[in-house]
Amino acid sequence: MGYYRADERFSVATSAKRIELGQGRVGSAGIDALPAVFERTWRQVVRLCEHEPEDRVVVTRHGDSMLLSDFLATRVVEVGVHGLDLAAALDRDAWLTPAASELLVGLFGPDLVAGRDDLTFIRTATGRLPLATGELPGPNWPFLG
């Protein structure tokens, strides 16, 4: 996935802009408004995207052109893996919806799961857990390459 290449999209300035945009979406209501903002946002996205043609191409804020379906998959990746990060940071049980788990495992190749449960596999494939001693990353593990 070239979309996740390490360039300006991972810079301090870009991260600061993302934080600013997120804070703006929540507004003065603060952190307590996050669940409602998230629900309102995902429902709006579904409403706006559900009638788009399968071959709809979008251009991301970083200038990447991709199918809308691929772009939406990147959003699931972001929400899923950063949700795992939040669960770890808050010392809470991590979880993913079955559809998100299936998408994330599928991105890296279900043949690479090698006896791990989905959450452990996803954490390992995204560099959140170390590989087992002597284990080499597979060809579909872009975050470890």
C-alpha atoms as a PDB file:
ATOM      1  CA  MET A   1       0.000   0.000   0.000  1.00  0.00           C
ATOM      2  CA  GLY A   2       1.874   3.046  -1.243  1.00  0.00           C
ATOM      3  CA  TYR A   3      -0.644   5.179   0.613  1.00  0.00           C
ATOM      4  CA  TYR A   4       1.218   4.467   3.847  1.00  0.00           C
ATOM      5  CA  ARG A   5       4.634   5.464   2.524  1.00  0.00           C
ATOM      6  CA  ALA A   6       6.770   7.516   4.878  1.00  0.00           C
ATOM      7  CA  ASP A   7       6.766  11.060   3.498  1.00  0.00           C
ATOM      8  CA  GLU A   8       5.295  14.415   4.551  1.00  0.00           C
ATOM      9  CA  ARG A   9       2.075  12.727   5.649  1.00  0.00           C
ATOM     10  CA  PHE A  10       3.929  11.541   8.768  1.00  0.00           C
ATOM     11  CA  SER A  11       5.641  14.864   9.532  1.00  0.00           C
ATOM     12  CA  VAL A  12       5.197  16.803  12.764  1.00  0.00           C
ATOM     13  CA  ALA A  13       3.431  19.611  10.859  1.00  0.00           C
ATOM     14  CA  THR A  14       0.954  17.202   9.252  1.00  0.00           C
ATOM     15  CA  SER A  15       0.256  15.523  12.584  1.00  0.00           C
ATOM     16  CA  ALA A  16      -0.326  18.922  14.199  1.00  0.00           C
ATOM     17  CA  LYS A  17      -2.815  19.783  11.451  1.00  0.00           C
ATOM     18  CA  ARG A  18      -4.678  16.504  12.000  1.00  0.00           C
ATOM     19  CA  ILE A  19      -4.916  17.216  15.724  1.00  0.00           C
ATOM     20  CA  GLU A  20      -6.188  20.722  15.009  1.00  0.00           C
ATOM     21  CA  LEU A  21      -8.822  19.396  12.591  1.00  0.00           C
ATOM     22  CA  GLY A  22      -9.954  16.806  15.138  1.00  0.00           C
ATOM     23  CA  GLN A  23     -10.228  19.370  17.889  1.00  0.00           C
ATOM     24  CA  GLY A  24     -12.241  21.588  15.565  1.00  0.00           C
ATOM     25  CA  ARG A  25     -14.699  18.782  14.857  1.00  0.00           C
ATOM     26  CA  VAL A  26     -15.340  18.264  18.565  1.00  0.00           C
ATOM     27  CA  GLY A  27     -15.539  21.989  19.236  1.00  0.00           C
ATOM     28  CA  SER A  28     -16.177  23.404  22.657  1.00  0.00           C
ATOM     29  CA  ALA A  29     -18.068  20.303  23.811  1.00  0.00           C
ATOM     30  CA  GLY A  30     -14.741  18.603  24.551  1.00  0.00           C
ATOM     31  CA  ILE A  31     -13.855  14.963  24.859  1.00  0.00           C
ATOM     32  CA  ASP A  32     -17.333  13.939  26.029  1.00  0.00           C
ATOM     33  CA  ALA A  33     -18.621  14.792  22.542  1.00  0.00           C
ATOM     34  CA  LEU A  34     -16.289  12.331  20.767  1.00  0.00           C
ATOM     35  CA  PRO A  35     -18.716   9.382  20.598  1.00  0.00           C
ATOM     36  CA  ALA A  36     -21.491  11.526  19.140  1.00  0.00           C
ATOM     37  CA  VAL A  37     -19.127  13.223  16.676  1.00  0.00           C
ATOM     38  CA  PHE A  38     -17.764   9.845  15.575  1.00  0.00           C
ATOM     39  CA  GLU A  39     -21.244   8.383  15.091  1.00  0.00           C
ATOM     40  CA  ARG A  40     -22.470  11.442  13.195  1.00  0.00           C
ATOM     41  CA  THR A  41     -19.366  11.351  10.976  1.00  0.00           C
ATOM     42  CA  TRP A  42     -19.532   7.659  10.054  1.00  0.00           C
ATOM     43  CA  ARG A  43     -23.253   7.881   9.310  1.00  0.00           C
ATOM     44  CA  GLN A  44     -22.628  10.883   7.042  1.00  0.00           C
ATOM     45  CA  VAL A  45     -19.816   9.039   5.249  1.00  0.00           C
ATOM     46  CA  VAL A  46     -22.054   6.007   4.642  1.00  0.00           C
ATOM     47  CA  ARG A  47     -24.850   8.243   3.343  1.00  0.00           C
ATOM     48  CA  LEU A  48     -22.497  10.106   0.988  1.00  0.00           C
ATOM     49  CA  CYS A  49     -20.705   7.002  -0.314  1.00  0.00           C
ATOM     50  CA  GLU A  50     -23.423   4.388  -0.619  1.00  0.00           C
ATOM     51  CA  HIS A  51     -24.639   5.566  -4.016  1.00  0.00           C
ATOM     52  CA  GLU A  52     -21.236   6.161  -5.606  1.00  0.00           C
ATOM     53  CA  PRO A  53     -20.228   3.939  -8.541  1.00  0.00           C
ATOM     54  CA  GLU A  54     -17.770   1.083  -7.925  1.00  0.00           C
ATOM     55  CA  ASP A  55     -15.128   2.748 -10.094  1.00  0.00           C
ATOM     56  CA  ARG A  56     -15.293   6.125  -8.320  1.00  0.00           C
ATOM     57  CA  VAL A  57     -11.782   7.544  -7.966  1.00  0.00           C
ATOM     58  CA  VAL A  58     -10.946   9.981  -5.176  1.00  0.00           C
ATOM     59  CA  VAL A  59      -7.853  12.060  -4.490  1.00  0.00           C
ATOM     60  CA  THR A  60      -6.652  12.142  -0.893  1.00  0.00           C
ATOM     61  CA  ARG A  61      -5.422  15.242   0.904  1.00  0.00           C
ATOM     62  CA  HIS A  62      -1.896  14.014   0.077  1.00  0.00           C
ATOM     63  CA  GLY A  63      -2.575  13.779  -3.662  1.00  0.00           C
ATOM     64  CA  ASP A  64      -2.966   9.995  -3.900  1.00  0.00           C
ATOM     65  CA  SER A  65      -5.558   8.816  -6.424  1.00  0.00           C
ATOM     66  CA  MET A  66      -7.382   5.624  -5.486  1.00  0.00           C
ATOM     67  CA  LEU A  67     -10.704   3.905  -5.750  1.00  0.00           C
ATOM     68  CA  LEU A  68     -13.201   5.129  -3.179  1.00  0.00           C
ATOM     69  CA  SER A  69     -13.517   1.548  -1.887  1.00  0.00           C
ATOM     70  CA  ASP A  70      -9.742   1.399  -1.316  1.00  0.00           C
ATOM     71  CA  PHE A  71      -9.769   4.786   0.410  1.00  0.00           C
ATOM     72  CA  LEU A  72     -12.585   3.650   2.693  1.00  0.00           C
ATOM     73  CA  ALA A  73     -10.542   0.548   3.517  1.00  0.00           C
ATOM     74  CA  THR A  74      -7.687   2.828   4.641  1.00  0.00           C
ATOM     75  CA  ARG A  75     -10.109   4.509   7.033  1.00  0.00           C
ATOM     76  CA  VAL A  76     -11.035   1.123   8.532  1.00  0.00           C
ATOM     77  CA  VAL A  77      -7.326   0.364   8.927  1.00  0.00           C
ATOM     78  CA  GLU A  78      -6.751   3.691  10.696  1.00  0.00           C
ATOM     79  CA  VAL A  79      -9.726   3.381  13.030  1.00  0.00           C
ATOM     80  CA  GLY A  80      -8.967  -0.275  13.718  1.00  0.00           C
ATOM     81  CA  VAL A  81      -5.256  -0.097  14.483  1.00  0.00           C
ATOM     82  CA  HIS A  82      -5.487   3.212  16.344  1.00  0.00           C
ATOM     83  CA  GLY A  83      -8.417   1.797  18.298  1.00  0.00           C
ATOM     84  CA  LEU A  84      -6.047  -0.982  19.387  1.00  0.00           C
ATOM     85  CA  ASP A  85      -3.537   1.724  20.361  1.00  0.00           C
ATOM     86  CA  LEU A  86      -6.146   3.532  22.444  1.00  0.00           C
ATOM     87  CA  ALA A  87      -7.204   0.332  24.184  1.00  0.00           C
ATOM     88  CA  ALA A  88      -3.574  -0.372  25.080  1.00  0.00           C
ATOM     89  CA  ALA A  89      -2.975   3.202  26.279  1.00  0.00           C
ATOM     90  CA  LEU A  90      -6.140   3.176  28.391  1.00  0.00           C
ATOM     91  CA  ASP A  91      -5.544  -0.389  29.656  1.00  0.00           C
ATOM     92  CA  ARG A  92      -8.845  -1.582  28.213  1.00  0.00           C
ATOM     93  CA  ASP A  93      -9.781  -4.733  26.366  1.00  0.00           C
ATOM     94  CA  ALA A  94      -9.168  -4.327  22.655  1.00  0.00           C
ATOM     95  CA  TRP A  95     -11.748  -5.366  20.093  1.00  0.00           C
ATOM     96  CA  LEU A  96     -12.585  -4.965  16.430  1.00  0.00           C
ATOM     97  CA  THR A  97     -15.810  -5.604  14.607  1.00  0.00           C
ATOM     98  CA  PRO A  98     -15.737  -8.898  12.689  1.00  0.00           C
ATOM     99  CA  ALA A  99     -15.765  -6.973   9.382  1.00  0.00           C
ATOM    100  CA  ALA A 100     -12.824  -4.765  10.415  1.00  0.00           C
ATOM    101  CA  SER A 101     -10.886  -7.779  11.656  1.00  0.00           C
ATOM    102  CA  GLU A 102     -11.529  -9.628   8.388  1.00  0.00           C
ATOM    103  CA  LEU A 103     -10.383  -6.618   6.350  1.00  0.00           C
ATOM    104  CA  LEU A 104      -7.195  -6.131   8.363  1.00  0.00           C
ATOM    105  CA  VAL A 105      -6.264  -9.829   8.349  1.00  0.00           C
ATOM    106  CA  GLY A 106      -7.025  -9.927   4.618  1.00  0.00           C
ATOM    107  CA  LEU A 107      -4.700  -6.990   3.944  1.00  0.00           C
ATOM    108  CA  PHE A 108      -1.726  -8.926   5.222  1.00  0.00           C
ATOM    109  CA  GLY A 109      -2.816 -12.304   3.894  1.00  0.00           C
ATOM    110  CA  PRO A 110      -4.790 -14.767   5.987  1.00  0.00           C
ATOM    111  CA  ASP A 111      -2.108 -17.376   5.264  1.00  0.00           C
ATOM    112  CA  LEU A 112       0.272 -15.375   7.483  1.00  0.00           C
ATOM    113  CA  VAL A 113      -1.845 -15.577  10.644  1.00  0.00           C
ATOM    114  CA  ALA A 114       0.180 -18.651  11.707  1.00  0.00           C
ATOM    115  CA  GLY A 115      -1.916 -19.682  14.690  1.00  0.00           C
ATOM    116  CA  ARG A 116      -2.351 -16.190  16.140  1.00  0.00           C
ATOM    117  CA  ASP A 117      -5.743 -14.803  17.037  1.00  0.00           C
ATOM    118  CA  ASP A 118      -6.760 -11.887  14.805  1.00  0.00           C
ATOM    119  CA  LEU A 119      -5.893  -9.120  17.306  1.00  0.00           C
ATOM    120  CA  THR A 120      -2.432 -10.543  18.008  1.00  0.00           C
ATOM    121  CA  PHE A 121      -1.836 -11.015  14.292  1.00  0.00           C
ATOM    122  CA  ILE A 122      -2.896  -7.424  13.485  1.00  0.00           C
ATOM    123  CA  ARG A 123      -0.753  -6.016  16.304  1.00  0.00           C
ATOM    124  CA  THR A 124       2.233  -8.008  15.027  1.00  0.00           C
ATOM    125  CA  ALA A 125       1.657  -7.145  11.358  1.00  0.00           C
ATOM    126  CA  THR A 126       1.500  -3.429  12.193  1.00  0.00           C
ATOM    127  CA  GLY A 127       4.602  -3.483  14.394  1.00  0.00           C
ATOM    128  CA  ARG A 128       2.734  -3.134  17.681  1.00  0.00           C
ATOM    129  CA  LEU A 129       4.032  -6.527  18.859  1.00  0.00           C
ATOM    130  CA  PRO A 130       7.392  -8.073  17.970  1.00  0.00           C
ATOM    131  CA  LEU A 131       7.746 -10.981  15.586  1.00  0.00           C
ATOM    132  CA  ALA A 132       8.451 -14.339  17.183  1.00  0.00           C
ATOM    133  CA  THR A 133      12.138 -15.224  17.496  1.00  0.00           C
ATOM    134  CA  GLY A 134      13.439 -16.201  14.058  1.00  0.00           C
ATOM    135  CA  GLU A 135      10.204 -15.205  12.321  1.00  0.00           C
ATOM    136  CA  LEU A 136      10.473 -13.137   9.157  1.00  0.00           C
ATOM    137  CA  PRO A 137       7.759 -10.729   7.981  1.00  0.00           C
ATOM    138  CA  GLY A 138       5.749 -11.859   4.989  1.00  0.00           C
ATOM    139  CA  PRO A 139       5.603  -9.956   1.689  1.00  0.00           C
ATOM    140  CA  ASN A 140       2.274  -8.330   2.607  1.00  0.00           C
ATOM    141  CA  TRP A 141       3.552  -6.817   5.849  1.00  0.00           C
ATOM    142  CA  PRO A 142       4.302  -3.274   4.661  1.00  0.00           C
ATOM    143  CA  PHE A 143       4.520  -1.787   8.139  1.00  0.00           C
ATOM    144  CA  LEU A 144       7.474  -3.997   9.012  1.00  0.00           C
ATOM    145  CA  GLY A 145       9.445  -3.441   5.809  1.00  0.00           C
END
